[in-house]
Amino acid sequence: GEWEYPGDRQHVHGVLSTLVWHDIDTPKIAPGVMELLVKGDPKNQQMLGYALDFIMKDTAGRAFVSVLAPGRESAIAPASAPWFLWVSAWLRVDGVAALRAIEQRTAGIALPEADALVAGVSSHLLDRRGGKPSGVAAALSYREPACLRRLIPLVIQHVRPNEDRDRSNGEAYSPDARDDAERFRYLLWEVLRDSEGPEADNVLRGFLDE
């Protein structure tokens, strides 16, 4: 079935993609997808993305991702497509734990490799290709002030503003992970600025004082 689609197959559209974007009884169907994920990821990265998006439409699926993601993050080769998918999903459901893992991962590798990891995660979270289903879009743990206090410095450290690309000449270009990461860095500041409550105020004040 779809779970066995080869990794190089393009334009994968089938049952799982339909489940992601249509109002279907997720709690009844998601356990079967979760069971497949426990056994192993699909070979095709698009199928993995659909599977994660589908189960995260439901609170039980988001809890499932927070449990399974730590093992996947440590077992999957970093900078691979599955690694980015699992880590970005983990950041959506348990931002603090996911950030801790990313910080540990980037601390142990060369700076260019760490830069690529953070830029890749940022690109996945930006989701330039058209948004997420409503249930997935509601999973935004990484936007909570406690996460932003750690995520913003991490992104600045590895997506350095002084290395931003100058796109002011108006020439057409195809955005890549670095372009997305720059936009994501700017978005994080907007999210913090627009957040309400004393915790967000304290985090913003802390940045201003630094």
N, C-alpha and C. Protein backbone atom coordinates (compact mmCIF):
# COMPACT_ATOMS: atom_id res chain seq x y z
N GLY A 1 0.83 -1.19 0.00
CA GLY A 1 0.00 0.00 0.00
C GLY A 1 0.87 1.25 0.00
N GLU A 2 0.25 2.33 0.37
CA GLU A 2 0.94 3.63 0.36
C GLU A 2 2.16 3.64 1.26
N TRP A 3 2.12 2.89 2.35
CA TRP A 3 3.24 2.87 3.29
C TRP A 3 4.51 2.34 2.65
N GLU A 4 4.37 1.58 1.57
CA GLU A 4 5.51 0.98 0.91
C GLU A 4 5.93 1.73 -0.35
N TYR A 5 5.36 2.89 -0.60
CA TYR A 5 5.79 3.66 -1.76
C TYR A 5 7.30 3.90 -1.68
N PRO A 6 8.02 3.78 -2.77
CA PRO A 6 9.47 4.00 -2.74
C PRO A 6 9.80 5.45 -2.38
N GLY A 7 10.97 5.62 -1.82
CA GLY A 7 11.36 6.94 -1.35
C GLY A 7 11.47 7.97 -2.44
N ASP A 8 11.75 7.56 -3.68
CA ASP A 8 11.94 8.52 -4.76
C ASP A 8 10.66 8.80 -5.54
N ARG A 9 9.55 8.24 -5.09
CA ARG A 9 8.28 8.50 -5.79
C ARG A 9 7.82 9.93 -5.51
N GLN A 10 7.45 10.65 -6.57
CA GLN A 10 7.02 12.03 -6.45
C GLN A 10 5.50 12.15 -6.56
N HIS A 11 4.97 13.29 -6.10
CA HIS A 11 3.55 13.60 -6.23
C HIS A 11 2.68 12.48 -5.67
N VAL A 12 2.92 12.18 -4.42
CA VAL A 12 2.18 11.12 -3.76
C VAL A 12 0.85 11.66 -3.24
N HIS A 13 -0.23 11.19 -3.82
CA HIS A 13 -1.56 11.60 -3.37
C HIS A 13 -2.43 10.36 -3.29
N GLY A 14 -2.98 10.13 -2.13
CA GLY A 14 -3.80 8.94 -1.94
C GLY A 14 -4.66 9.09 -0.71
N VAL A 15 -4.84 7.97 -0.02
CA VAL A 15 -5.73 7.96 1.13
C VAL A 15 -5.22 8.88 2.24
N LEU A 16 -3.93 8.80 2.56
CA LEU A 16 -3.41 9.60 3.67
C LEU A 16 -3.51 11.09 3.39
N SER A 17 -3.20 11.51 2.18
CA SER A 17 -3.30 12.94 1.86
C SER A 17 -4.75 13.39 1.95
N THR A 18 -5.68 12.53 1.58
CA THR A 18 -7.11 12.86 1.70
C THR A 18 -7.50 12.99 3.17
N LEU A 19 -6.99 12.09 4.01
CA LEU A 19 -7.29 12.15 5.44
C LEU A 19 -6.80 13.44 6.07
N VAL A 20 -5.66 13.93 5.57
CA VAL A 20 -5.09 15.16 6.15
C VAL A 20 -6.00 16.35 5.92
N TRP A 21 -6.53 16.49 4.72
CA TRP A 21 -7.19 17.74 4.34
C TRP A 21 -8.70 17.71 4.41
N HIS A 22 -9.28 16.57 4.76
CA HIS A 22 -10.73 16.49 4.83
C HIS A 22 -11.20 16.21 6.25
N ASP A 23 -12.42 16.64 6.53
CA ASP A 23 -12.99 16.48 7.86
C ASP A 23 -13.46 15.03 8.03
N ILE A 24 -12.57 14.22 8.55
CA ILE A 24 -12.82 12.80 8.71
C ILE A 24 -12.68 12.45 10.18
N ASP A 25 -13.34 11.40 10.62
CA ASP A 25 -13.33 11.02 12.03
C ASP A 25 -11.93 10.55 12.43
N THR A 26 -11.06 11.51 12.70
CA THR A 26 -9.65 11.22 12.99
C THR A 26 -9.47 10.26 14.17
N PRO A 27 -10.17 10.45 15.31
CA PRO A 27 -9.92 9.56 16.45
C PRO A 27 -10.14 8.08 16.15
N LYS A 28 -10.99 7.77 15.18
CA LYS A 28 -11.25 6.37 14.85
C LYS A 28 -10.18 5.79 13.93
N ILE A 29 -9.60 6.63 13.08
CA ILE A 29 -8.66 6.15 12.07
C ILE A 29 -7.22 6.29 12.51
N ALA A 30 -6.92 7.34 13.28
CA ALA A 30 -5.54 7.64 13.65
C ALA A 30 -4.82 6.50 14.36
N PRO A 31 -5.47 5.73 15.25
CA PRO A 31 -4.73 4.65 15.92
C PRO A 31 -4.06 3.67 14.96
N GLY A 32 -4.69 3.43 13.82
CA GLY A 32 -4.06 2.53 12.84
C GLY A 32 -2.81 3.13 12.25
N VAL A 33 -2.82 4.43 12.00
CA VAL A 33 -1.63 5.10 11.48
C VAL A 33 -0.54 5.14 12.55
N MET A 34 -0.94 5.38 13.79
CA MET A 34 0.04 5.38 14.89
C MET A 34 0.70 4.01 15.02
N GLU A 35 -0.08 2.96 14.87
CA GLU A 35 0.48 1.61 14.97
C GLU A 35 1.53 1.37 13.88
N LEU A 36 1.25 1.86 12.68
CA LEU A 36 2.23 1.73 11.60
C LEU A 36 3.49 2.51 11.93
N LEU A 37 3.35 3.71 12.49
CA LEU A 37 4.52 4.52 12.82
C LEU A 37 5.36 3.87 13.92
N VAL A 38 4.73 3.22 14.86
CA VAL A 38 5.48 2.52 15.90
C VAL A 38 6.37 1.45 15.28
N LYS A 39 5.87 0.79 14.26
CA LYS A 39 6.63 -0.27 13.60
C LYS A 39 7.76 0.30 12.74
N GLY A 40 7.57 1.50 12.24
CA GLY A 40 8.61 2.11 11.40
C GLY A 40 8.02 3.15 10.47
N ASP A 41 8.86 4.06 10.01
CA ASP A 41 8.39 5.12 9.12
C ASP A 41 8.15 4.58 7.71
N PRO A 42 7.25 5.22 6.96
CA PRO A 42 7.11 4.86 5.55
C PRO A 42 8.38 5.22 4.79
N LYS A 43 8.59 4.57 3.68
CA LYS A 43 9.81 4.80 2.91
C LYS A 43 9.81 6.17 2.24
N ASN A 44 8.63 6.68 1.94
CA ASN A 44 8.51 7.93 1.21
C ASN A 44 8.30 9.09 2.18
N GLN A 45 9.10 10.16 2.06
CA GLN A 45 9.03 11.25 3.01
C GLN A 45 7.71 12.01 2.93
N GLN A 46 7.11 12.08 1.75
CA GLN A 46 5.80 12.73 1.64
C GLN A 46 4.76 11.95 2.43
N MET A 47 4.85 10.63 2.41
CA MET A 47 3.92 9.81 3.18
C MET A 47 4.12 10.01 4.67
N LEU A 48 5.38 10.15 5.10
CA LEU A 48 5.64 10.42 6.51
C LEU A 48 5.04 11.76 6.91
N GLY A 49 5.21 12.76 6.06
CA GLY A 49 4.62 14.07 6.35
C GLY A 49 3.12 14.00 6.47
N TYR A 50 2.47 13.27 5.54
CA TYR A 50 1.02 13.11 5.62
C TYR A 50 0.61 12.38 6.90
N ALA A 51 1.36 11.34 7.24
CA ALA A 51 1.02 10.56 8.44
C ALA A 51 1.10 11.42 9.69
N LEU A 52 2.17 12.20 9.83
CA LEU A 52 2.33 13.06 11.00
C LEU A 52 1.26 14.14 11.03
N ASP A 53 1.00 14.76 9.90
CA ASP A 53 -0.03 15.80 9.86
C ASP A 53 -1.40 15.23 10.22
N PHE A 54 -1.69 14.03 9.74
CA PHE A 54 -3.00 13.44 10.01
C PHE A 54 -3.18 13.15 11.50
N ILE A 55 -2.23 12.48 12.12
CA ILE A 55 -2.45 12.13 13.52
C ILE A 55 -2.40 13.36 14.42
N MET A 56 -1.69 14.42 14.00
CA MET A 56 -1.62 15.61 14.84
C MET A 56 -2.88 16.48 14.75
N LYS A 57 -3.85 16.07 13.93
CA LYS A 57 -5.12 16.77 13.92
C LYS A 57 -5.90 16.51 15.21
N ASP A 58 -5.49 15.51 15.96
CA ASP A 58 -6.20 15.08 17.16
C ASP A 58 -5.27 15.19 18.37
N THR A 59 -5.82 15.50 19.53
CA THR A 59 -4.99 15.66 20.73
C THR A 59 -4.25 14.38 21.10
N ALA A 60 -4.90 13.23 20.91
CA ALA A 60 -4.22 11.97 21.21
C ALA A 60 -3.03 11.76 20.28
N GLY A 61 -3.18 12.16 19.03
CA GLY A 61 -2.07 12.03 18.08
C GLY A 61 -0.93 12.95 18.43
N ARG A 62 -1.24 14.15 18.90
CA ARG A 62 -0.17 15.07 19.30
C ARG A 62 0.60 14.52 20.50
N ALA A 63 -0.12 13.91 21.43
CA ALA A 63 0.54 13.29 22.57
C ALA A 63 1.41 12.13 22.11
N PHE A 64 0.94 11.38 21.14
CA PHE A 64 1.70 10.26 20.58
C PHE A 64 3.01 10.74 19.98
N VAL A 65 2.95 11.84 19.21
CA VAL A 65 4.15 12.38 18.59
C VAL A 65 5.16 12.80 19.66
N SER A 66 4.69 13.40 20.74
CA SER A 66 5.61 13.85 21.79
C SER A 66 6.33 12.68 22.45
N VAL A 67 5.73 11.50 22.41
CA VAL A 67 6.35 10.31 22.99
C VAL A 67 7.30 9.64 22.00
N LEU A 68 6.89 9.55 20.75
CA LEU A 68 7.69 8.81 19.76
C LEU A 68 8.83 9.65 19.17
N ALA A 69 8.64 10.95 19.10
CA ALA A 69 9.63 11.81 18.43
C ALA A 69 11.02 11.76 19.04
N PRO A 70 11.18 11.73 20.38
CA PRO A 70 12.55 11.70 20.92
C PRO A 70 13.38 10.53 20.41
N GLY A 71 12.78 9.36 20.33
CA GLY A 71 13.51 8.21 19.82
C GLY A 71 13.85 8.34 18.35
N ARG A 72 12.92 8.91 17.58
CA ARG A 72 13.19 9.10 16.16
C ARG A 72 14.31 10.13 15.96
N GLU A 73 14.28 11.20 16.72
CA GLU A 73 15.31 12.24 16.57
C GLU A 73 16.70 11.68 16.79
N SER A 74 16.84 10.80 17.77
CA SER A 74 18.16 10.26 18.08
C SER A 74 18.56 9.13 17.14
N ALA A 75 17.58 8.45 16.52
CA ALA A 75 17.89 7.29 15.70
C ALA A 75 18.07 7.62 14.22
N ILE A 76 17.41 8.67 13.76
CA ILE A 76 17.45 9.01 12.33
C ILE A 76 18.64 9.91 12.04
N ALA A 77 19.24 9.75 10.89
CA ALA A 77 20.37 10.57 10.50
C ALA A 77 19.96 12.03 10.46
N PRO A 78 20.67 12.91 11.18
CA PRO A 78 20.32 14.34 11.16
C PRO A 78 20.50 14.93 9.76
N ALA A 79 19.69 15.95 9.49
CA ALA A 79 19.68 16.65 8.21
C ALA A 79 19.01 15.84 7.11
N SER A 80 18.49 14.67 7.43
CA SER A 80 17.71 13.91 6.45
C SER A 80 16.27 14.41 6.50
N ALA A 81 15.54 14.16 5.43
CA ALA A 81 14.14 14.61 5.37
C ALA A 81 13.30 14.05 6.52
N PRO A 82 13.42 12.76 6.85
CA PRO A 82 12.63 12.25 7.99
C PRO A 82 13.00 12.93 9.31
N TRP A 83 14.28 13.23 9.50
CA TRP A 83 14.69 13.91 10.74
C TRP A 83 14.02 15.27 10.85
N PHE A 84 14.03 16.03 9.77
CA PHE A 84 13.39 17.35 9.80
C PHE A 84 11.89 17.23 10.06
N LEU A 85 11.24 16.24 9.47
CA LEU A 85 9.81 16.07 9.67
C LEU A 85 9.48 15.74 11.12
N TRP A 86 10.24 14.82 11.70
CA TRP A 86 9.97 14.44 13.09
C TRP A 86 10.29 15.59 14.05
N VAL A 87 11.40 16.27 13.84
CA VAL A 87 11.78 17.33 14.76
C VAL A 87 10.82 18.51 14.67
N SER A 88 10.40 18.88 13.47
CA SER A 88 9.46 19.99 13.35
C SER A 88 8.11 19.61 13.96
N ALA A 89 7.69 18.35 13.81
CA ALA A 89 6.46 17.91 14.47
C ALA A 89 6.61 17.94 15.99
N TRP A 90 7.76 17.51 16.47
CA TRP A 90 8.03 17.51 17.92
C TRP A 90 7.99 18.94 18.46
N LEU A 91 8.56 19.88 17.73
CA LEU A 91 8.54 21.28 18.17
C LEU A 91 7.11 21.80 18.27
N ARG A 92 6.24 21.31 17.44
CA ARG A 92 4.85 21.76 17.47
C ARG A 92 4.12 21.26 18.72
N VAL A 93 4.50 20.10 19.22
CA VAL A 93 3.73 19.51 20.32
C VAL A 93 4.42 19.61 21.67
N ASP A 94 5.75 19.70 21.68
CA ASP A 94 6.50 19.80 22.94
C ASP A 94 7.77 20.58 22.67
N GLY A 95 7.62 21.88 22.54
CA GLY A 95 8.71 22.72 22.09
C GLY A 95 9.93 22.69 22.97
N VAL A 96 9.75 22.73 24.28
CA VAL A 96 10.89 22.79 25.18
C VAL A 96 11.74 21.53 25.06
N ALA A 97 11.10 20.37 25.06
CA ALA A 97 11.84 19.11 24.95
C ALA A 97 12.55 19.01 23.60
N ALA A 98 11.87 19.42 22.54
CA ALA A 98 12.48 19.36 21.21
C ALA A 98 13.66 20.31 21.11
N LEU A 99 13.52 21.50 21.67
CA LEU A 99 14.63 22.46 21.65
C LEU A 99 15.84 21.93 22.39
N ARG A 100 15.60 21.27 23.49
CA ARG A 100 16.71 20.70 24.26
C ARG A 100 17.48 19.70 23.41
N ALA A 101 16.75 18.88 22.66
CA ALA A 101 17.41 17.90 21.80
C ALA A 101 18.18 18.57 20.67
N ILE A 102 17.60 19.62 20.09
CA ILE A 102 18.29 20.33 19.01
C ILE A 102 19.55 21.00 19.53
N GLU A 103 19.47 21.61 20.70
CA GLU A 103 20.64 22.26 21.29
C GLU A 103 21.76 21.25 21.54
N GLN A 104 21.39 20.09 22.03
CA GLN A 104 22.39 19.05 22.26
C GLN A 104 22.98 18.56 20.95
N ARG A 105 22.15 18.43 19.94
CA ARG A 105 22.60 17.95 18.63
C ARG A 105 23.56 18.97 18.00
N THR A 106 23.21 20.25 18.01
CA THR A 106 24.04 21.26 17.36
C THR A 106 25.33 21.51 18.12
N ALA A 107 25.31 21.27 19.43
CA ALA A 107 26.52 21.50 20.23
C ALA A 107 27.63 20.51 19.90
N GLY A 108 27.26 19.37 19.34
CA GLY A 108 28.25 18.33 19.11
C GLY A 108 28.73 18.20 17.69
N ILE A 109 28.39 19.15 16.82
CA ILE A 109 28.79 19.05 15.43
C ILE A 109 29.43 20.36 14.98
N ALA A 110 30.03 20.35 13.80
CA ALA A 110 30.67 21.54 13.27
C ALA A 110 29.63 22.62 12.97
N LEU A 111 30.08 23.87 13.01
CA LEU A 111 29.15 24.99 12.86
C LEU A 111 28.38 24.95 11.54
N PRO A 112 29.01 24.69 10.39
CA PRO A 112 28.23 24.66 9.15
C PRO A 112 27.13 23.59 9.18
N GLU A 113 27.41 22.45 9.79
CA GLU A 113 26.40 21.40 9.89
C GLU A 113 25.27 21.85 10.83
N ALA A 114 25.62 22.49 11.94
CA ALA A 114 24.61 22.98 12.87
C ALA A 114 23.76 24.06 12.21
N ASP A 115 24.40 24.94 11.43
CA ASP A 115 23.65 25.96 10.71
C ASP A 115 22.63 25.33 9.77
N ALA A 116 23.03 24.29 9.08
CA ALA A 116 22.13 23.62 8.13
C ALA A 116 20.96 22.96 8.85
N LEU A 117 21.23 22.38 10.02
CA LEU A 117 20.14 21.76 10.78
C LEU A 117 19.10 22.79 11.21
N VAL A 118 19.57 23.89 11.78
CA VAL A 118 18.63 24.90 12.28
C VAL A 118 17.89 25.57 11.13
N ALA A 119 18.59 25.83 10.03
CA ALA A 119 17.92 26.41 8.86
C ALA A 119 16.87 25.45 8.31
N GLY A 120 17.18 24.16 8.30
CA GLY A 120 16.23 23.18 7.79
C GLY A 120 14.99 23.07 8.66
N VAL A 121 15.18 23.05 9.97
CA VAL A 121 14.04 23.00 10.89
C VAL A 121 13.19 24.26 10.73
N SER A 122 13.86 25.41 10.63
CA SER A 122 13.14 26.68 10.46
C SER A 122 12.31 26.65 9.18
N SER A 123 12.88 26.13 8.10
CA SER A 123 12.18 26.06 6.83
C SER A 123 10.94 25.18 6.94
N HIS A 124 11.05 24.06 7.63
CA HIS A 124 9.90 23.17 7.79
C HIS A 124 8.81 23.82 8.62
N LEU A 125 9.18 24.55 9.65
CA LEU A 125 8.18 25.19 10.50
C LEU A 125 7.51 26.37 9.79
N LEU A 126 8.25 27.04 8.91
CA LEU A 126 7.65 28.14 8.16
C LEU A 126 6.52 27.64 7.27
N ASP A 127 6.70 26.46 6.69
CA ASP A 127 5.67 25.82 5.88
C ASP A 127 5.19 26.74 4.77
N ARG A 128 6.12 27.14 3.92
CA ARG A 128 5.82 28.08 2.85
C ARG A 128 4.82 27.53 1.84
N ARG A 129 4.65 26.22 1.78
CA ARG A 129 3.87 25.63 0.69
C ARG A 129 2.37 25.63 0.91
N GLY A 130 1.89 26.31 1.94
CA GLY A 130 0.43 26.45 1.96
C GLY A 130 -0.26 26.12 3.26
N GLY A 131 0.43 26.09 4.37
CA GLY A 131 -0.24 25.94 5.64
C GLY A 131 -0.48 24.50 6.04
N LYS A 132 -1.09 24.36 7.21
CA LYS A 132 -1.40 23.06 7.76
C LYS A 132 -2.89 22.96 8.04
N PRO A 133 -3.43 21.72 8.11
CA PRO A 133 -4.82 21.58 8.53
C PRO A 133 -5.04 22.21 9.90
N SER A 134 -6.26 22.57 10.20
CA SER A 134 -6.54 23.36 11.40
C SER A 134 -6.04 22.70 12.67
N GLY A 135 -6.21 21.40 12.80
CA GLY A 135 -5.77 20.72 14.02
C GLY A 135 -4.27 20.76 14.18
N VAL A 136 -3.54 20.63 13.07
CA VAL A 136 -2.08 20.69 13.11
C VAL A 136 -1.63 22.11 13.38
N ALA A 137 -2.29 23.06 12.73
CA ALA A 137 -1.93 24.46 12.91
C ALA A 137 -2.11 24.91 14.36
N ALA A 138 -2.99 24.22 15.09
CA ALA A 138 -3.21 24.57 16.50
C ALA A 138 -2.07 24.08 17.39
N ALA A 139 -1.27 23.19 16.88
CA ALA A 139 -0.15 22.65 17.66
C ALA A 139 1.07 23.55 17.46
N LEU A 140 1.21 24.54 18.31
CA LEU A 140 2.25 25.55 18.15
C LEU A 140 3.02 25.73 19.44
N SER A 141 3.45 24.65 20.02
CA SER A 141 4.17 24.73 21.29
C SER A 141 5.41 25.60 21.18
N TYR A 142 6.07 25.57 20.02
CA TYR A 142 7.31 26.34 19.87
C TYR A 142 7.06 27.85 19.90
N ARG A 143 5.81 28.28 19.78
CA ARG A 143 5.49 29.70 19.82
C ARG A 143 5.18 30.20 21.23
N GLU A 144 5.18 29.32 22.19
CA GLU A 144 4.95 29.74 23.56
C GLU A 144 6.16 30.53 24.06
N PRO A 145 5.95 31.53 24.92
CA PRO A 145 7.06 32.38 25.36
C PRO A 145 8.26 31.62 25.91
N ALA A 146 8.02 30.56 26.69
CA ALA A 146 9.13 29.79 27.26
C ALA A 146 9.99 29.17 26.17
N CYS A 147 9.37 28.79 25.06
CA CYS A 147 10.12 28.23 23.94
C CYS A 147 10.82 29.32 23.16
N LEU A 148 10.12 30.43 22.95
CA LEU A 148 10.72 31.52 22.18
C LEU A 148 11.96 32.06 22.86
N ARG A 149 11.98 32.01 24.19
CA ARG A 149 13.16 32.49 24.92
C ARG A 149 14.41 31.72 24.54
N ARG A 150 14.26 30.46 24.11
CA ARG A 150 15.40 29.64 23.72
C ARG A 150 15.51 29.52 22.20
N LEU A 151 14.37 29.52 21.53
CA LEU A 151 14.38 29.30 20.08
C LEU A 151 14.93 30.51 19.33
N ILE A 152 14.53 31.70 19.72
CA ILE A 152 15.01 32.89 19.01
C ILE A 152 16.53 33.00 19.04
N PRO A 153 17.18 32.87 20.21
CA PRO A 153 18.66 32.92 20.19
C PRO A 153 19.29 31.80 19.37
N LEU A 154 18.67 30.62 19.40
CA LEU A 154 19.21 29.50 18.62
C LEU A 154 19.17 29.81 17.13
N VAL A 155 18.04 30.34 16.67
CA VAL A 155 17.92 30.67 15.25
C VAL A 155 18.87 31.80 14.87
N ILE A 156 18.99 32.81 15.72
CA ILE A 156 19.92 33.91 15.43
C ILE A 156 21.36 33.41 15.37
N GLN A 157 21.69 32.47 16.25
CA GLN A 157 23.05 31.94 16.29
C GLN A 157 23.40 31.21 14.99
N HIS A 158 22.42 30.53 14.40
CA HIS A 158 22.72 29.69 13.24
C HIS A 158 22.16 30.25 11.92
N VAL A 159 21.27 31.21 12.00
CA VAL A 159 20.79 31.92 10.80
C VAL A 159 21.15 33.38 11.05
N ARG A 160 22.42 33.67 10.91
CA ARG A 160 22.98 34.95 11.35
C ARG A 160 22.52 36.11 10.46
N PRO A 161 21.96 37.15 11.07
CA PRO A 161 21.44 38.28 10.28
C PRO A 161 22.49 38.93 9.38
N ASN A 162 23.74 38.97 9.82
CA ASN A 162 24.77 39.62 9.00
C ASN A 162 25.12 38.80 7.75
N GLU A 163 24.57 37.59 7.65
CA GLU A 163 24.80 36.77 6.47
C GLU A 163 23.54 36.65 5.60
N ASP A 164 22.51 37.45 5.92
CA ASP A 164 21.28 37.40 5.13
C ASP A 164 21.55 37.77 3.68
N ARG A 165 20.80 37.16 2.81
CA ARG A 165 20.94 37.43 1.39
C ARG A 165 20.23 38.73 1.01
N ASP A 166 20.83 39.48 0.14
CA ASP A 166 20.24 40.73 -0.33
C ASP A 166 19.36 40.43 -1.54
N ARG A 167 18.05 40.48 -1.34
CA ARG A 167 17.10 40.21 -2.42
C ARG A 167 16.45 41.51 -2.90
N SER A 168 17.05 42.64 -2.60
CA SER A 168 16.42 43.93 -2.88
C SER A 168 16.48 44.34 -4.34
N ASN A 169 17.21 43.59 -5.17
CA ASN A 169 17.35 44.00 -6.58
C ASN A 169 16.12 43.66 -7.42
N GLY A 170 15.17 42.94 -6.82
CA GLY A 170 13.93 42.64 -7.52
C GLY A 170 14.00 41.50 -8.50
N GLU A 171 15.14 40.87 -8.62
CA GLU A 171 15.27 39.74 -9.54
C GLU A 171 14.53 38.52 -8.99
N ALA A 172 13.98 37.74 -9.91
CA ALA A 172 13.26 36.54 -9.52
C ALA A 172 14.23 35.51 -8.94
N TYR A 173 13.77 34.77 -7.96
CA TYR A 173 14.59 33.72 -7.37
C TYR A 173 13.68 32.65 -6.78
N SER A 174 14.23 31.47 -6.59
CA SER A 174 13.51 30.37 -5.97
C SER A 174 13.96 30.25 -4.52
N PRO A 175 13.08 30.55 -3.56
CA PRO A 175 13.49 30.49 -2.15
C PRO A 175 13.95 29.09 -1.76
N ASP A 176 15.02 29.04 -0.98
CA ASP A 176 15.50 27.77 -0.46
C ASP A 176 15.42 27.80 1.06
N ALA A 177 16.03 26.81 1.70
CA ALA A 177 15.93 26.69 3.15
C ALA A 177 16.49 27.91 3.86
N ARG A 178 17.55 28.51 3.33
CA ARG A 178 18.12 29.70 3.97
C ARG A 178 17.15 30.88 3.90
N ASP A 179 16.52 31.07 2.73
CA ASP A 179 15.54 32.14 2.60
C ASP A 179 14.38 31.93 3.58
N ASP A 180 13.91 30.69 3.65
CA ASP A 180 12.82 30.38 4.58
C ASP A 180 13.24 30.64 6.02
N ALA A 181 14.46 30.26 6.36
CA ALA A 181 14.95 30.44 7.73
C ALA A 181 15.02 31.91 8.10
N GLU A 182 15.42 32.75 7.16
CA GLU A 182 15.45 34.19 7.44
C GLU A 182 14.05 34.72 7.71
N ARG A 183 13.09 34.29 6.92
CA ARG A 183 11.71 34.70 7.14
C ARG A 183 11.18 34.17 8.47
N PHE A 184 11.56 32.94 8.79
CA PHE A 184 11.11 32.34 10.05
C PHE A 184 11.68 33.10 11.24
N ARG A 185 12.94 33.50 11.16
CA ARG A 185 13.56 34.27 12.24
C ARG A 185 12.78 35.56 12.49
N TYR A 186 12.41 36.24 11.41
CA TYR A 186 11.62 37.47 11.53
C TYR A 186 10.24 37.16 12.12
N LEU A 187 9.64 36.06 11.68
CA LEU A 187 8.31 35.67 12.17
C LEU A 187 8.32 35.43 13.68
N LEU A 188 9.39 34.83 14.20
CA LEU A 188 9.47 34.56 15.63
C LEU A 188 9.40 35.85 16.45
N TRP A 189 10.09 36.89 15.98
CA TRP A 189 10.01 38.18 16.67
C TRP A 189 8.59 38.73 16.63
N GLU A 190 7.92 38.57 15.49
CA GLU A 190 6.53 39.03 15.39
C GLU A 190 5.63 38.28 16.36
N VAL A 191 5.83 36.97 16.45
CA VAL A 191 5.01 36.16 17.35
C VAL A 191 5.20 36.61 18.79
N LEU A 192 6.45 36.82 19.19
CA LEU A 192 6.72 37.26 20.55
C LEU A 192 6.13 38.65 20.80
N ARG A 193 6.30 39.54 19.85
CA ARG A 193 5.78 40.91 20.01
C ARG A 193 4.25 40.91 20.17
N ASP A 194 3.58 40.04 19.44
CA ASP A 194 2.12 40.03 19.46
C ASP A 194 1.54 39.15 20.56
N SER A 195 2.40 38.41 21.28
CA SER A 195 1.91 37.54 22.35
C SER A 195 1.44 38.39 23.54
N GLU A 196 0.42 37.91 24.21
CA GLU A 196 -0.12 38.62 25.36
C GLU A 196 0.18 37.86 26.63
N GLY A 197 0.27 38.61 27.72
CA GLY A 197 0.49 37.98 29.02
C GLY A 197 1.83 38.35 29.62
N PRO A 198 1.95 38.20 30.93
CA PRO A 198 3.18 38.61 31.61
C PRO A 198 4.41 37.79 31.21
N GLU A 199 4.22 36.52 30.88
CA GLU A 199 5.37 35.70 30.51
C GLU A 199 6.00 36.21 29.22
N ALA A 200 5.17 36.53 28.23
CA ALA A 200 5.70 37.07 26.98
C ALA A 200 6.36 38.42 27.21
N ASP A 201 5.76 39.25 28.06
CA ASP A 201 6.36 40.55 28.37
C ASP A 201 7.73 40.38 29.02
N ASN A 202 7.84 39.42 29.92
CA ASN A 202 9.13 39.18 30.59
C ASN A 202 10.19 38.71 29.61
N VAL A 203 9.80 37.82 28.69
CA VAL A 203 10.76 37.32 27.71
C VAL A 203 11.22 38.46 26.80
N LEU A 204 10.29 39.28 26.33
CA LEU A 204 10.66 40.39 25.47
C LEU A 204 11.53 41.40 26.20
N ARG A 205 11.20 41.67 27.46
CA ARG A 205 12.00 42.58 28.26
C ARG A 205 13.42 42.04 28.46
N GLY A 206 13.50 40.71 28.65
CA GLY A 206 14.82 40.09 28.81
C GLY A 206 15.69 40.26 27.58
N PHE A 207 15.08 40.12 26.40
CA PHE A 207 15.84 40.33 25.15
C PHE A 207 16.29 41.79 25.04
N LEU A 208 15.41 42.71 25.40
CA LEU A 208 15.76 44.13 25.29
C LEU A 208 16.87 44.51 26.24
N ASP A 209 16.95 43.82 27.37
CA ASP A 209 17.96 44.13 28.37
C ASP A 209 19.32 43.55 28.03
N GLU A 210 19.35 42.58 27.10
CA GLU A 210 20.62 41.92 26.79
C GLU A 210 21.50 42.77 25.90
